[in-house]
C-alpha atoms as a PDB file:
ATOM      1  CA  MET A   1    -220.360 -17.360-200.026  1.00  0.00           C
ATOM      2  CA  GLY A   2    -217.160 -15.726-201.025  1.00  0.00           C
ATOM      3  CA  SER A   3    -217.069 -13.728-204.327  1.00  0.00           C
ATOM      4  CA  GLU A   4    -215.986 -14.753-207.850  1.00  0.00           C
ATOM      5  CA  ALA A   5    -212.942 -13.856-208.884  1.00  0.00           C
ATOM      6  CA  ALA A   6    -211.398 -12.597-212.311  1.00  0.00           C
ATOM      7  CA  MET A   7    -207.636 -12.518-213.173  1.00  0.00           C
ATOM      8  CA  LEU A   8    -205.960  -9.905-215.042  1.00  0.00           C
ATOM      9  CA  TRP A   9    -202.675 -10.911-216.780  1.00  0.00           C
ATOM     10  CA  ILE A  10    -200.652  -7.741-217.814  1.00  0.00           C
ATOM     11  CA  GLN A  11    -198.272  -9.680-219.938  1.00  0.00           C
ATOM     12  CA  SER A  12    -198.708 -11.359-223.349  1.00  0.00           C
ATOM     13  CA  SER A  13    -200.834 -14.085-224.024  1.00  0.00           C
ATOM     14  CA  ALA A  14    -197.761 -15.868-225.410  1.00  0.00           C
ATOM     15  CA  VAL A  15    -196.051 -15.582-222.357  1.00  0.00           C
ATOM     16  CA  PHE A  16    -199.027 -16.763-220.427  1.00  0.00           C
ATOM     17  CA  THR A  17    -199.017 -19.800-222.515  1.00  0.00           C
ATOM     18  CA  ALA A  18    -195.175 -20.095-221.512  1.00  0.00           C
ATOM     19  CA  TYR A  19    -196.310 -20.139-217.925  1.00  0.00           C
ATOM     20  CA  TYR A  20    -199.427 -22.440-218.469  1.00  0.00           C
ATOM     21  CA  SER A  21    -197.560 -24.967-220.321  1.00  0.00           C
ATOM     22  CA  TYR A  22    -194.501 -25.138-217.868  1.00  0.00           C
ATOM     23  CA  PHE A  23    -196.892 -25.288-214.948  1.00  0.00           C
ATOM     24  CA  TYR A  24    -198.941 -28.180-216.412  1.00  0.00           C
ATOM     25  CA  LYS A  25    -195.729 -30.150-218.153  1.00  0.00           C
ATOM     26  CA  LEU A  26    -197.320 -29.545-221.507  1.00  0.00           C
ATOM     27  CA  VAL A  27    -194.012 -29.050-223.261  1.00  0.00           C
ATOM     28  CA  SER A  28    -190.260 -29.482-222.445  1.00  0.00           C
ATOM     29  CA  PHE A  29    -188.651 -26.536-221.004  1.00  0.00           C
ATOM     30  CA  PRO A  30    -184.792 -25.651-220.372  1.00  0.00           C
ATOM     31  CA  SER A  31    -183.614 -27.633-217.038  1.00  0.00           C
ATOM     32  CA  ASP A  32    -180.753 -28.297-214.908  1.00  0.00           C
ATOM     33  CA  ALA A  33    -180.388 -31.429-217.246  1.00  0.00           C
ATOM     34  CA  ASP A  34    -180.833 -30.279-220.595  1.00  0.00           C
ATOM     35  CA  PRO A  35    -180.654 -26.335-220.253  1.00  0.00           C
ATOM     36  CA  TYR A  36    -180.200 -25.662-223.894  1.00  0.00           C
ATOM     37  CA  VAL A  37    -183.696 -27.511-225.102  1.00  0.00           C
ATOM     38  CA  ASP A  38    -185.983 -25.503-227.545  1.00  0.00           C
ATOM     39  CA  VAL A  39    -189.203 -24.904-226.463  1.00  0.00           C
ATOM     40  CA  GLN A  40    -192.143 -25.529-228.886  1.00  0.00           C
ATOM     41  CA  LEU A  41    -194.895 -22.596-227.968  1.00  0.00           C
ATOM     42  CA  SER A  42    -198.047 -22.994-230.417  1.00  0.00           C
ATOM     43  CA  SER A  43    -196.706 -21.884-233.808  1.00  0.00           C
ATOM     44  CA  VAL A  44    -193.379 -20.570-232.464  1.00  0.00           C
ATOM     45  CA  VAL A  45    -190.106 -22.204-231.514  1.00  0.00           C
ATOM     46  CA  LEU A  46    -188.539 -20.663-228.738  1.00  0.00           C
ATOM     47  CA  LYS A  47    -184.875 -21.096-228.276  1.00  0.00           C
ATOM     48  CA  HIS A  48    -183.638 -21.575-224.637  1.00  0.00           C
ATOM     49  CA  ASN A  49    -182.755 -17.732-224.363  1.00  0.00           C
ATOM     50  CA  GLU A  50    -185.986 -16.697-225.312  1.00  0.00           C
ATOM     51  CA  VAL A  51    -188.303 -18.735-222.972  1.00  0.00           C
ATOM     52  CA  PRO A  52    -189.226 -16.127-220.325  1.00  0.00           C
ATOM     53  CA  ASP A  53    -185.877 -16.052-218.091  1.00  0.00           C
ATOM     54  CA  PHE A  54    -188.023 -16.476-214.790  1.00  0.00           C
ATOM     55  CA  LEU A  55    -187.906 -20.171-215.885  1.00  0.00           C
ATOM     56  CA  HIS A  56    -184.832 -20.891-216.912  1.00  0.00           C
ATOM     57  CA  PRO A  57    -182.643 -22.936-214.727  1.00  0.00           C
ATOM     58  CA  PHE A  58    -179.584 -20.518-214.794  1.00  0.00           C
ATOM     59  CA  SER A  59    -181.537 -17.297-214.191  1.00  0.00           C
ATOM     60  CA  PRO A  60    -180.861 -15.580-211.068  1.00  0.00           C
ATOM     61  CA  TYR A  61    -184.553 -14.585-210.876  1.00  0.00           C
ATOM     62  CA  ARG A  62    -185.902 -18.022-210.820  1.00  0.00           C
ATOM     63  CA  PHE A  63    -187.659 -16.861-207.436  1.00  0.00           C
ATOM     64  CA  LEU A  64    -190.070 -14.730-209.493  1.00  0.00           C
ATOM     65  CA  GLY A  65    -190.749 -17.418-211.472  1.00  0.00           C
ATOM     66  CA  THR A  66    -191.863 -19.443-208.800  1.00  0.00           C
ATOM     67  CA  LEU A  67    -193.998 -16.556-207.509  1.00  0.00           C
ATOM     68  CA  ILE A  68    -195.812 -16.746-210.891  1.00  0.00           C
ATOM     69  CA  LEU A  69    -196.241 -20.514-211.191  1.00  0.00           C
ATOM     70  CA  GLU A  70    -197.777 -19.919-207.269  1.00  0.00           C
ATOM     71  CA  GLN A  71    -200.953 -18.320-208.996  1.00  0.00           C
ATOM     72  CA  PHE A  72    -201.190 -20.857-211.391  1.00  0.00           C
ATOM     73  CA  LYS A  73    -202.798 -23.051-208.618  1.00  0.00           C
ATOM     74  CA  ASN A  74    -205.755 -20.679-208.341  1.00  0.00           C
ATOM     75  CA  LEU A  75    -206.680 -20.873-211.859  1.00  0.00           C
ATOM     76  CA  SER A  76    -209.698 -23.149-211.404  1.00  0.00           C
ATOM     77  CA  LYS A  77    -211.182 -20.039-209.382  1.00  0.00           C
ATOM     78  CA  PRO A  78    -211.415 -17.511-211.848  1.00  0.00           C
ATOM     79  CA  PHE A  79    -214.481 -17.579-214.031  1.00  0.00           C
ATOM     80  CA  CYS A  80    -211.981 -15.930-216.635  1.00  0.00           C
ATOM     81  CA  VAL A  81    -208.495 -14.650-217.503  1.00  0.00           C
ATOM     82  CA  LEU A  82    -208.359 -10.799-218.894  1.00  0.00           C
ATOM     83  CA  VAL A  83    -205.416 -10.385-221.045  1.00  0.00           C
ATOM     84  CA  ASP A  84    -203.685  -6.982-222.261  1.00  0.00           C
ATOM     85  CA  SER A  85    -203.659  -7.978-225.609  1.00  0.00           C
ATOM     86  CA  PHE A  86    -206.140  -8.268-228.353  1.00  0.00           C
ATOM     87  CA  GLU A  87    -207.298 -11.211-230.472  1.00  0.00           C
ATOM     88  CA  GLU A  88    -205.809 -10.056-233.890  1.00  0.00           C
ATOM     89  CA  LEU A  89    -202.273  -9.662-232.441  1.00  0.00           C
ATOM     90  CA  GLU A  90    -202.156 -13.034-230.422  1.00  0.00           C
ATOM     91  CA  HIS A  91    -204.743 -15.457-232.411  1.00  0.00           C
ATOM     92  CA  ASP A  92    -202.880 -18.452-232.075  1.00  0.00           C
ATOM     93  CA  TYR A  93    -202.134 -17.990-228.663  1.00  0.00           C
ATOM     94  CA  ILE A  94    -205.493 -17.295-227.322  1.00  0.00           C
ATOM     95  CA  ASP A  95    -206.903 -19.741-229.657  1.00  0.00           C
ATOM     96  CA  TYR A  96    -204.897 -22.109-227.681  1.00  0.00           C
ATOM     97  CA  LEU A  97    -205.578 -21.005-224.384  1.00  0.00           C
ATOM     98  CA  SER A  98    -209.276 -21.056-224.826  1.00  0.00           C
ATOM     99  CA  LYS A  99    -209.318 -24.848-224.972  1.00  0.00           C
ATOM    100  CA  PHE A 100    -208.336 -24.834-221.362  1.00  0.00           C
ATOM    101  CA  LEU A 101    -209.478 -21.296-220.022  1.00  0.00           C
ATOM    102  CA  ASP A 102    -212.133 -18.706-220.417  1.00  0.00           C
ATOM    103  CA  ILE A 103    -209.549 -16.093-221.901  1.00  0.00           C
ATOM    104  CA  ARG A 104    -210.910 -12.881-222.765  1.00  0.00           C
ATOM    105  CA  PRO A 105    -208.375 -10.216-224.476  1.00  0.00           C
ATOM    106  CA  VAL A 106    -209.167  -6.907-223.643  1.00  0.00           C
ATOM    107  CA  GLY A 107    -205.973  -4.826-224.401  1.00  0.00           C
ATOM    108  CA  PRO A 108    -204.775  -2.471-225.430  1.00  0.00           C
ATOM    109  CA  LEU A 109    -205.234  -0.740-221.830  1.00  0.00           C
ATOM    110  CA  PHE A 110    -204.216   2.486-222.511  1.00  0.00           C
ATOM    111  CA  LYS A 111    -205.908   5.620-223.876  1.00  0.00           C
ATOM    112  CA  THR A 112    -204.165   6.989-226.980  1.00  0.00           C
ATOM    113  CA  PRO A 113    -202.355  10.102-226.341  1.00  0.00           C
ATOM    114  CA  ILE A 114    -202.545  12.924-228.546  1.00  0.00           C
ATOM    115  CA  ALA A 115    -199.265  14.776-229.023  1.00  0.00           C
ATOM    116  CA  THR A 116    -199.383  18.614-228.212  1.00  0.00           C
ATOM    117  CA  GLY A 117    -196.915  21.352-228.071  1.00  0.00           C
ATOM    118  CA  THR A 118    -197.452  21.886-224.465  1.00  0.00           C
ATOM    119  CA  SER A 119    -195.025  20.384-221.592  1.00  0.00           C
ATOM    120  CA  ASP A 120    -196.557  17.744-219.773  1.00  0.00           C
ATOM    121  CA  ILE A 121    -196.033  17.879-216.185  1.00  0.00           C
ATOM    122  CA  ARG A 122    -196.767  15.425-213.704  1.00  0.00           C
ATOM    123  CA  GLY A 123    -196.022  16.975-210.481  1.00  0.00           C
ATOM    124  CA  ASP A 124    -192.862  18.598-209.239  1.00  0.00           C
ATOM    125  CA  PHE A 125    -190.745  15.111-209.667  1.00  0.00           C
ATOM    126  CA  MET A 126    -192.215  14.204-212.793  1.00  0.00           C
ATOM    127  CA  LYS A 127    -191.783  16.964-215.674  1.00  0.00           C
ATOM    128  CA  SER A 128    -191.347  16.230-219.200  1.00  0.00           C
ATOM    129  CA  ASP A 129    -187.691  18.321-219.487  1.00  0.00           C
ATOM    130  CA  ASP A 130    -189.604  19.676-222.541  1.00  0.00           C
ATOM    131  CA  CYS A 131    -189.309  16.636-224.230  1.00  0.00           C
ATOM    132  CA  ILE A 132    -192.637  17.287-226.496  1.00  0.00           C
ATOM    133  CA  GLU A 133    -191.482  20.670-227.065  1.00  0.00           C
ATOM    134  CA  TRP A 134    -187.728  19.971-228.126  1.00  0.00           C
ATOM    135  CA  LEU A 135    -189.822  17.076-230.513  1.00  0.00           C
ATOM    136  CA  ASN A 136    -191.559  19.645-232.094  1.00  0.00           C
ATOM    137  CA  SER A 137    -188.538  21.106-233.826  1.00  0.00           C
ATOM    138  CA  ARG A 138    -187.540  17.973-235.354  1.00  0.00           C
ATOM    139  CA  ALA A 139    -188.221  16.646-238.752  1.00  0.00           C
ATOM    140  CA  PRO A 140    -191.066  14.352-239.333  1.00  0.00           C
ATOM    141  CA  ALA A 141    -189.839  10.526-238.166  1.00  0.00           C
ATOM    142  CA  SER A 142    -186.544  11.481-237.880  1.00  0.00           C
ATOM    143  CA  VAL A 143    -185.864  10.799-234.143  1.00  0.00           C
ATOM    144  CA  VAL A 144    -184.947   7.525-232.535  1.00  0.00           C
ATOM    145  CA  TYR A 145    -186.582   7.497-228.929  1.00  0.00           C
ATOM    146  CA  ILE A 146    -184.397   5.537-225.915  1.00  0.00           C
ATOM    147  CA  SER A 147    -185.760   4.299-223.010  1.00  0.00           C
ATOM    148  CA  PHE A 148    -185.392   0.945-220.815  1.00  0.00           C
ATOM    149  CA  GLY A 149    -187.894   1.165-218.598  1.00  0.00           C
ATOM    150  CA  SER A 150    -188.366   2.331-214.781  1.00  0.00           C
ATOM    151  CA  ILE A 151    -186.496  -0.929-213.414  1.00  0.00           C
ATOM    152  CA  VAL A 152    -183.875  -1.787-215.913  1.00  0.00           C
ATOM    153  CA  TYR A 153    -180.731  -0.230-215.336  1.00  0.00           C
ATOM    154  CA  LEU A 154    -177.808  -0.972-217.874  1.00  0.00           C
ATOM    155  CA  PRO A 155    -174.073  -1.628-216.749  1.00  0.00           C
ATOM    156  CA  GLN A 156    -171.860   1.578-217.663  1.00  0.00           C
ATOM    157  CA  GLU A 157    -169.923   0.042-220.422  1.00  0.00           C
ATOM    158  CA  GLN A 158    -173.305  -0.526-222.406  1.00  0.00           C
ATOM    159  CA  VAL A 159    -174.464   2.879-221.935  1.00  0.00           C
ATOM    160  CA  THR A 160    -170.688   3.993-223.304  1.00  0.00           C
ATOM    161  CA  GLU A 161    -171.407   1.546-225.804  1.00  0.00           C
ATOM    162  CA  ILE A 162    -174.658   3.283-226.726  1.00  0.00           C
ATOM    163  CA  ALA A 163    -173.556   6.643-226.619  1.00  0.00           C
ATOM    164  CA  HIS A 164    -170.783   6.076-229.202  1.00  0.00           C
ATOM    165  CA  GLY A 165    -173.240   4.270-231.511  1.00  0.00           C
ATOM    166  CA  LEU A 166    -175.594   7.242-231.373  1.00  0.00           C
ATOM    167  CA  LEU A 167    -172.537   9.622-231.941  1.00  0.00           C
ATOM    168  CA  ASN A 168    -171.003   7.746-235.145  1.00  0.00           C
ATOM    169  CA  SER A 169    -174.660   7.256-236.679  1.00  0.00           C
ATOM    170  CA  HIS A 170    -175.539  10.792-236.538  1.00  0.00           C
ATOM    171  CA  VAL A 171    -178.970  10.139-235.962  1.00  0.00           C
ATOM    172  CA  SER A 172    -181.282  12.503-233.925  1.00  0.00           C
ATOM    173  CA  PHE A 173    -182.417  10.714-230.296  1.00  0.00           C
ATOM    174  CA  LEU A 174    -184.437  11.345-227.330  1.00  0.00           C
ATOM    175  CA  TRP A 175    -182.610   9.167-224.314  1.00  0.00           C
ATOM    176  CA  VAL A 176    -184.242   9.041-221.543  1.00  0.00           C
ATOM    177  CA  LEU A 177    -181.307   8.094-219.101  1.00  0.00           C
ATOM    178  CA  LYS A 178    -182.349   7.702-215.566  1.00  0.00           C
ATOM    179  CA  PRO A 179    -180.394   7.896-212.171  1.00  0.00           C
ATOM    180  CA  PRO A 180    -179.927   4.622-210.223  1.00  0.00           C
ATOM    181  CA  PRO A 181    -182.992   3.231-208.178  1.00  0.00           C
ATOM    182  CA  LYS A 182    -182.754   3.684-204.920  1.00  0.00           C
ATOM    183  CA  GLY A 183    -180.558   0.891-203.339  1.00  0.00           C
ATOM    184  CA  TYR A 184    -178.843  -0.496-206.441  1.00  0.00           C
ATOM    185  CA  GLY A 185    -175.493   0.803-205.095  1.00  0.00           C
ATOM    186  CA  VAL A 186    -174.242   1.851-208.439  1.00  0.00           C
ATOM    187  CA  PRO A 187    -173.008   5.316-209.429  1.00  0.00           C
ATOM    188  CA  PRO A 188    -175.011   7.589-212.000  1.00  0.00           C
ATOM    189  CA  HIS A 189    -174.006   6.980-215.722  1.00  0.00           C
ATOM    190  CA  VAL A 190    -171.651   8.705-217.122  1.00  0.00           C
ATOM    191  CA  LEU A 191    -171.465   9.731-220.785  1.00  0.00           C
ATOM    192  CA  PRO A 192    -168.156   9.964-222.853  1.00  0.00           C
ATOM    193  CA  ASP A 193    -166.321  13.098-223.152  1.00  0.00           C
ATOM    194  CA  GLY A 194    -167.395  15.044-226.098  1.00  0.00           C
ATOM    195  CA  PHE A 195    -170.576  13.398-226.342  1.00  0.00           C
ATOM    196  CA  PHE A 196    -172.671  16.302-225.521  1.00  0.00           C
ATOM    197  CA  GLU A 197    -170.798  18.601-227.967  1.00  0.00           C
ATOM    198  CA  GLY A 198    -170.879  16.049-230.471  1.00  0.00           C
ATOM    199  CA  THR A 199    -174.648  15.522-230.328  1.00  0.00           C
ATOM    200  CA  ARG A 200    -175.690  19.042-229.342  1.00  0.00           C
ATOM    201  CA  ASP A 201    -177.691  19.685-232.715  1.00  0.00           C
ATOM    202  CA  LYS A 202    -178.903  15.876-232.960  1.00  0.00           C
ATOM    203  CA  GLY A 203    -179.842  14.696-229.616  1.00  0.00           C
ATOM    204  CA  LYS A 204    -181.695  15.085-226.090  1.00  0.00           C
ATOM    205  CA  VAL A 205    -180.859  13.490-222.885  1.00  0.00           C
ATOM    206  CA  VAL A 206    -183.293  13.735-220.116  1.00  0.00           C
ATOM    207  CA  GLN A 207    -184.305  11.440-216.776  1.00  0.00           C
ATOM    208  CA  TRP A 208    -188.071  11.013-217.803  1.00  0.00           C
ATOM    209  CA  SER A 209    -190.267  11.608-220.427  1.00  0.00           C
ATOM    210  CA  PRO A 210    -193.982  11.166-221.013  1.00  0.00           C
ATOM    211  CA  GLN A 211    -193.600   7.858-223.190  1.00  0.00           C
ATOM    212  CA  GLU A 212    -197.241   7.740-224.621  1.00  0.00           C
ATOM    213  CA  GLU A 213    -196.841  11.221-225.925  1.00  0.00           C
ATOM    214  CA  VAL A 214    -193.455  10.868-227.219  1.00  0.00           C
ATOM    215  CA  LEU A 215    -194.282   7.592-228.900  1.00  0.00           C
ATOM    216  CA  ALA A 216    -197.344   9.227-230.603  1.00  0.00           C
ATOM    217  CA  HIS A 217    -195.398  12.477-231.451  1.00  0.00           C
ATOM    218  CA  PRO A 218    -194.767  12.479-235.774  1.00  0.00           C
ATOM    219  CA  SER A 219    -190.972  13.449-235.164  1.00  0.00           C
ATOM    220  CA  VAL A 220    -190.054  10.124-233.792  1.00  0.00           C
ATOM    221  CA  ALA A 221    -189.026   7.046-235.898  1.00  0.00           C
ATOM    222  CA  CYS A 222    -188.528   4.271-233.867  1.00  0.00           C
ATOM    223  CA  PHE A 223    -188.185   3.061-230.161  1.00  0.00           C
ATOM    224  CA  LEU A 224    -185.025   1.574-228.516  1.00  0.00           C
ATOM    225  CA  THR A 225    -186.813  -0.211-225.849  1.00  0.00           C
ATOM    226  CA  HIS A 226    -186.046  -3.197-223.160  1.00  0.00           C
ATOM    227  CA  CYS A 227    -189.165  -4.719-224.260  1.00  0.00           C
ATOM    228  CA  GLY A 228    -191.442  -4.604-221.058  1.00  0.00           C
ATOM    229  CA  TRP A 229    -195.105  -5.481-222.128  1.00  0.00           C
ATOM    230  CA  ASN A 230    -196.508  -2.337-221.338  1.00  0.00           C
ATOM    231  CA  SER A 231    -193.828  -0.351-223.525  1.00  0.00           C
ATOM    232  CA  SER A 232    -194.296  -2.905-226.126  1.00  0.00           C
ATOM    233  CA  MET A 233    -197.937  -2.386-226.464  1.00  0.00           C
ATOM    234  CA  GLU A 234    -197.778   1.123-226.159  1.00  0.00           C
ATOM    235  CA  ALA A 235    -195.568   1.226-229.287  1.00  0.00           C
ATOM    236  CA  LEU A 236    -197.653  -1.662-231.003  1.00  0.00           C
ATOM    237  CA  THR A 237    -200.856   0.307-230.834  1.00  0.00           C
ATOM    238  CA  LEU A 238    -199.054   3.888-231.863  1.00  0.00           C
ATOM    239  CA  GLY A 239    -197.525   2.212-234.678  1.00  0.00           C
ATOM    240  CA  MET A 240    -194.005   2.838-233.714  1.00  0.00           C
ATOM    241  CA  PRO A 241    -191.307   0.110-234.658  1.00  0.00           C
ATOM    242  CA  MET A 242    -188.524  -0.996-232.447  1.00  0.00           C
ATOM    243  CA  LEU A 243    -185.223  -1.871-231.711  1.00  0.00           C
ATOM    244  CA  THR A 244    -185.243  -4.577-229.143  1.00  0.00           C
ATOM    245  CA  PHE A 245    -182.839  -4.900-226.115  1.00  0.00           C
ATOM    246  CA  PRO A 246    -184.118  -7.034-223.372  1.00  0.00           C
ATOM    247  CA  ALA A 247    -183.171  -7.525-219.850  1.00  0.00           C
ATOM    248  CA  TRP A 248    -184.813 -10.201-218.116  1.00  0.00           C
ATOM    249  CA  GLY A 249    -187.911 -12.196-217.541  1.00  0.00           C
ATOM    250  CA  ASP A 250    -190.703 -11.931-220.501  1.00  0.00           C
ATOM    251  CA  GLN A 251    -188.799  -8.960-221.849  1.00  0.00           C
ATOM    252  CA  VAL A 252    -186.576 -11.685-223.893  1.00  0.00           C
ATOM    253  CA  THR A 253    -189.799 -13.488-225.320  1.00  0.00           C
ATOM    254  CA  ASN A 254    -191.402 -10.422-225.952  1.00  0.00           C
ATOM    255  CA  ALA A 255    -188.398  -9.083-228.262  1.00  0.00           C
ATOM    256  CA  LYS A 256    -188.721 -12.629-230.458  1.00  0.00           C
ATOM    257  CA  PHE A 257    -192.121 -11.770-231.143  1.00  0.00           C
ATOM    258  CA  LEU A 258    -191.941  -8.190-231.815  1.00  0.00           C
ATOM    259  CA  VAL A 259    -188.641  -9.051-234.342  1.00  0.00           C
ATOM    260  CA  ASP A 260    -189.733 -12.539-235.475  1.00  0.00           C
ATOM    261  CA  VAL A 261    -193.888 -12.725-235.306  1.00  0.00           C
ATOM    262  CA  PHE A 262    -195.036  -9.277-235.548  1.00  0.00           C
ATOM    263  CA  GLY A 263    -192.383  -7.929-237.894  1.00  0.00           C
ATOM    264  CA  VAL A 264    -192.096  -4.254-236.055  1.00  0.00           C
ATOM    265  CA  GLY A 265    -188.302  -4.957-234.404  1.00  0.00           C
ATOM    266  CA  ILE A 266    -184.794  -5.227-235.208  1.00  0.00           C
ATOM    267  CA  LYS A 267    -182.835  -7.352-232.699  1.00  0.00           C
ATOM    268  CA  LEU A 268    -179.974  -4.894-231.094  1.00  0.00           C
ATOM    269  CA  GLY A 269    -179.086  -8.265-228.886  1.00  0.00           C
ATOM    270  CA  TYR A 270    -179.980  -9.574-225.883  1.00  0.00           C
ATOM    271  CA  GLY A 271    -177.174  -7.634-224.043  1.00  0.00           C
ATOM    272  CA  HIS A 272    -177.865  -7.627-220.592  1.00  0.00           C
ATOM    273  CA  ALA A 273    -179.867 -10.429-220.524  1.00  0.00           C
ATOM    274  CA  ALA A 274    -176.978 -12.507-222.252  1.00  0.00           C
ATOM    275  CA  LYS A 275    -174.475 -10.579-219.856  1.00  0.00           C
ATOM    276  CA  LYS A 276    -172.480  -9.006-222.491  1.00  0.00           C
ATOM    277  CA  VAL A 277    -172.317  -5.786-223.866  1.00  0.00           C
ATOM    278  CA  VAL A 278    -173.436  -5.080-227.578  1.00  0.00           C
ATOM    279  CA  SER A 279    -170.419  -3.270-229.315  1.00  0.00           C
ATOM    280  CA  ARG A 280    -171.161   0.613-230.819  1.00  0.00           C
ATOM    281  CA  GLU A 281    -170.445  -1.011-234.306  1.00  0.00           C
ATOM    282  CA  GLU A 282    -173.505  -2.957-233.859  1.00  0.00           C
ATOM    283  CA  VAL A 283    -175.721  -0.046-232.192  1.00  0.00           C
ATOM    284  CA  LYS A 284    -174.696   2.153-235.279  1.00  0.00           C
ATOM    285  CA  LYS A 285    -175.649  -0.538-237.752  1.00  0.00           C
ATOM    286  CA  CYS A 286    -178.973  -1.150-236.098  1.00  0.00           C
ATOM    287  CA  LEU A 287    -179.804   2.426-235.427  1.00  0.00           C
ATOM    288  CA  LEU A 288    -179.241   3.180-239.197  1.00  0.00           C
ATOM    289  CA  GLU A 289    -181.127   0.208-240.260  1.00  0.00           C
ATOM    290  CA  ALA A 290    -184.316   0.900-238.192  1.00  0.00           C
ATOM    291  CA  THR A 291    -184.612   4.566-239.753  1.00  0.00           C
ATOM    292  CA  VAL A 292    -183.238   4.714-243.190  1.00  0.00           C
ATOM    293  CA  GLY A 293    -183.664   2.215-246.247  1.00  0.00           C
ATOM    294  CA  PRO A 294    -185.885  -0.962-247.302  1.00  0.00           C
ATOM    295  CA  LYS A 295    -186.119  -2.436-243.794  1.00  0.00           C
ATOM    296  CA  ALA A 296    -187.041   0.789-241.987  1.00  0.00           C
ATOM    297  CA  GLU A 297    -189.956   0.940-244.633  1.00  0.00           C
ATOM    298  CA  GLU A 298    -190.818  -2.554-244.091  1.00  0.00           C
ATOM    299  CA  LEU A 299    -190.983  -2.081-240.474  1.00  0.00           C
ATOM    300  CA  LYS A 300    -193.206   1.198-240.549  1.00  0.00           C
ATOM    301  CA  GLN A 301    -195.579  -0.737-242.537  1.00  0.00           C
ATOM    302  CA  ASN A 302    -195.955  -3.807-240.501  1.00  0.00           C
ATOM    303  CA  SER A 303    -196.200  -0.993-237.611  1.00  0.00           C
ATOM    304  CA  PHE A 304    -199.133   0.564-239.345  1.00  0.00           C
ATOM    305  CA  LYS A 305    -200.785  -2.674-239.487  1.00  0.00           C
ATOM    306  CA  TRP A 306    -201.033  -3.175-236.017  1.00  0.00           C
ATOM    307  CA  LYS A 307    -201.741   0.256-235.268  1.00  0.00           C
ATOM    308  CA  LYS A 308    -205.251  -0.217-237.175  1.00  0.00           C
ATOM    309  CA  ALA A 309    -205.682  -3.505-235.690  1.00  0.00           C
ATOM    310  CA  ALA A 310    -205.262  -2.343-232.229  1.00  0.00           C
ATOM    311  CA  GLU A 311    -207.551   0.661-232.532  1.00  0.00           C
ATOM    312  CA  ALA A 312    -210.485  -1.318-234.470  1.00  0.00           C
ATOM    313  CA  ALA A 313    -209.939  -3.847-231.574  1.00  0.00           C
ATOM    314  CA  VAL A 314    -211.149  -1.426-228.788  1.00  0.00           C
ATOM    315  CA  ALA A 315    -213.416   0.546-231.085  1.00  0.00           C
ATOM    316  CA  ALA A 316    -217.448  -0.169-230.850  1.00  0.00           C
ATOM    317  CA  ASN A 317    -218.204  -3.664-231.792  1.00  0.00           C
ATOM    318  CA  GLY A 318    -214.069  -4.706-232.077  1.00  0.00           C
ATOM    319  CA  SER A 319    -212.694  -7.792-230.652  1.00  0.00           C
ATOM    320  CA  SER A 320    -211.397  -6.308-227.143  1.00  0.00           C
ATOM    321  CA  ALA A 321    -214.451  -4.221-226.667  1.00  0.00           C
ATOM    322  CA  ARG A 322    -216.693  -7.153-227.372  1.00  0.00           C
ATOM    323  CA  ASN A 323    -214.774  -8.675-224.604  1.00  0.00           C
ATOM    324  CA  LEU A 324    -215.080  -5.966-222.274  1.00  0.00           C
ATOM    325  CA  ASP A 325    -218.677  -5.625-222.761  1.00  0.00           C
ATOM    326  CA  ALA A 326    -219.391  -9.288-222.124  1.00  0.00           C
ATOM    327  CA  PHE A 327    -217.097  -9.546-218.853  1.00  0.00           C
ATOM    328  CA  MET A 328    -219.296  -6.257-217.624  1.00  0.00           C
ATOM    329  CA  LYS A 329    -222.468  -8.229-218.371  1.00  0.00           C
ATOM    330  CA  ASP A 330    -220.887 -11.074-216.196  1.00  0.00           C
ATOM    331  CA  ILE A 331    -220.101  -8.858-213.443  1.00  0.00           C
ATOM    332  CA  LYS A 332    -224.013  -7.956-213.034  1.00  0.00           C
ATOM    333  CA  LYS A 333    -224.728 -11.115-213.615  1.00  0.00           C
ATOM    334  CA  ARG A 334    -223.098 -12.850-210.734  1.00  0.00           C
ATOM    335  CA  GLY A 335    -222.751 -10.022-208.476  1.00  0.00           C
ATOM    336  CA  ALA A 336    -219.393  -9.135-206.903  1.00  0.00           C
ATOM    337  CA  VAL A 337    -216.538 -10.193-208.580  1.00  0.00           C
ATOM    338  CA  GLY A 338    -212.955  -9.487-207.321  1.00  0.00           C
ATOM    339  CA  VAL A 339    -210.125  -8.799-209.968  1.00  0.00           C
ATOM    340  CA  ASN A 340    -206.744  -9.938-209.545  1.00  0.00           C
ATOM    341  CA  GLU A 341    -203.754  -8.954-211.090  1.00  0.00           C
ATOM    342  CA  ILE A 342    -200.840 -10.845-212.059  1.00  0.00           C
END
C-alpha cells in the first residue's frame, strides 16, 4: 500500500485559486478568442495582465503553466494542501478553497533574521559584500533596497532608466545587480557614465546580498522587487513597504495584491512583464513617493500591521502554528506521508 501524500504550495493562496479555477473552468480566463477578459477571483477582479501569465494565451511561458496544471490532476491524492501564507493575509482565498480542499496555511516559512553588525558569509562565492556594515552607516529608514531575484534579468535599457531615476531622486540605495545567468547569452549590465561618482555618498551596488538580513535592517525604507512570492512574504513578514516591478508568472498577480489588497506597495509598472521600459521620470517619482510624504507613511503603517499579523500567525497557538501542529498529528496517525512541493 502506497504512502499518503500532502502537497506544499509555495506561491500565494490567491495564485493557487487562479490555477484551480482555470483547471476546473470555474470562471472565464483570457483565451485566444478573448485575450483581454477580466477575471473575477473571489473578491478581487484581475485584469488580463494581472492573471498569472503562465495562463495567458500570449505568454511565451505557457508551457510552464501546463506543467503546473498537470499537478492539479493529482489533487485528489493529497490529504491536505499546505500553503506558504497565513490566514489573516489571505482569508478570502483560504476560505474559498476550503470548500473544495483541505487547505492549511502554515506560513511564513522562514525564520525572521536579526540584523547584525557583522558580515554574513555563505561560502567563498556568496559573500555579503559588506552590505550590513554599509547599512549600519546609513540613517534609519533612508535606504531603498533593489533586487529582482535570482532569475529575472532586466534589459540594459531598463537598468539605465533605473540608474538615472536613482541619480535624479537622490535617495540612498543598495542595489543588487547580478551578472547574467549562464546560458543567457547577454553581456553584463553597464551603468551610465558618472553613475558611481554621482551616487558615491548615497548608494552601493553589489552582486549579492543577504536579503532577509537587509530587509530586517532599520536603515531600509522600502524594497524595489520583482514580486516573487518568497521575496513578497519576506517583506510582508518583516514589515517592509514595496515598489512593485513584476516580470512574469505569479509575480504580476502578487504585485496586484501587494498594491491594491494588502496596501503595502506602489506600482512602479509591469515593465519587463509588459515588454516596455519604465522611464527614469517614473522611477524617480515612485522612489520619492515610497520614501517620503503621506503615502510612504501609509505604506509603513500597513506593512507594520502585516508584520504583527505574520508574527502572531507563527507564535504559539497562532493560526499557522495550529495548522502545522495539526498536520504533524495527522502524520503520526497516518504513518509515512510524502510531501510534494509545487
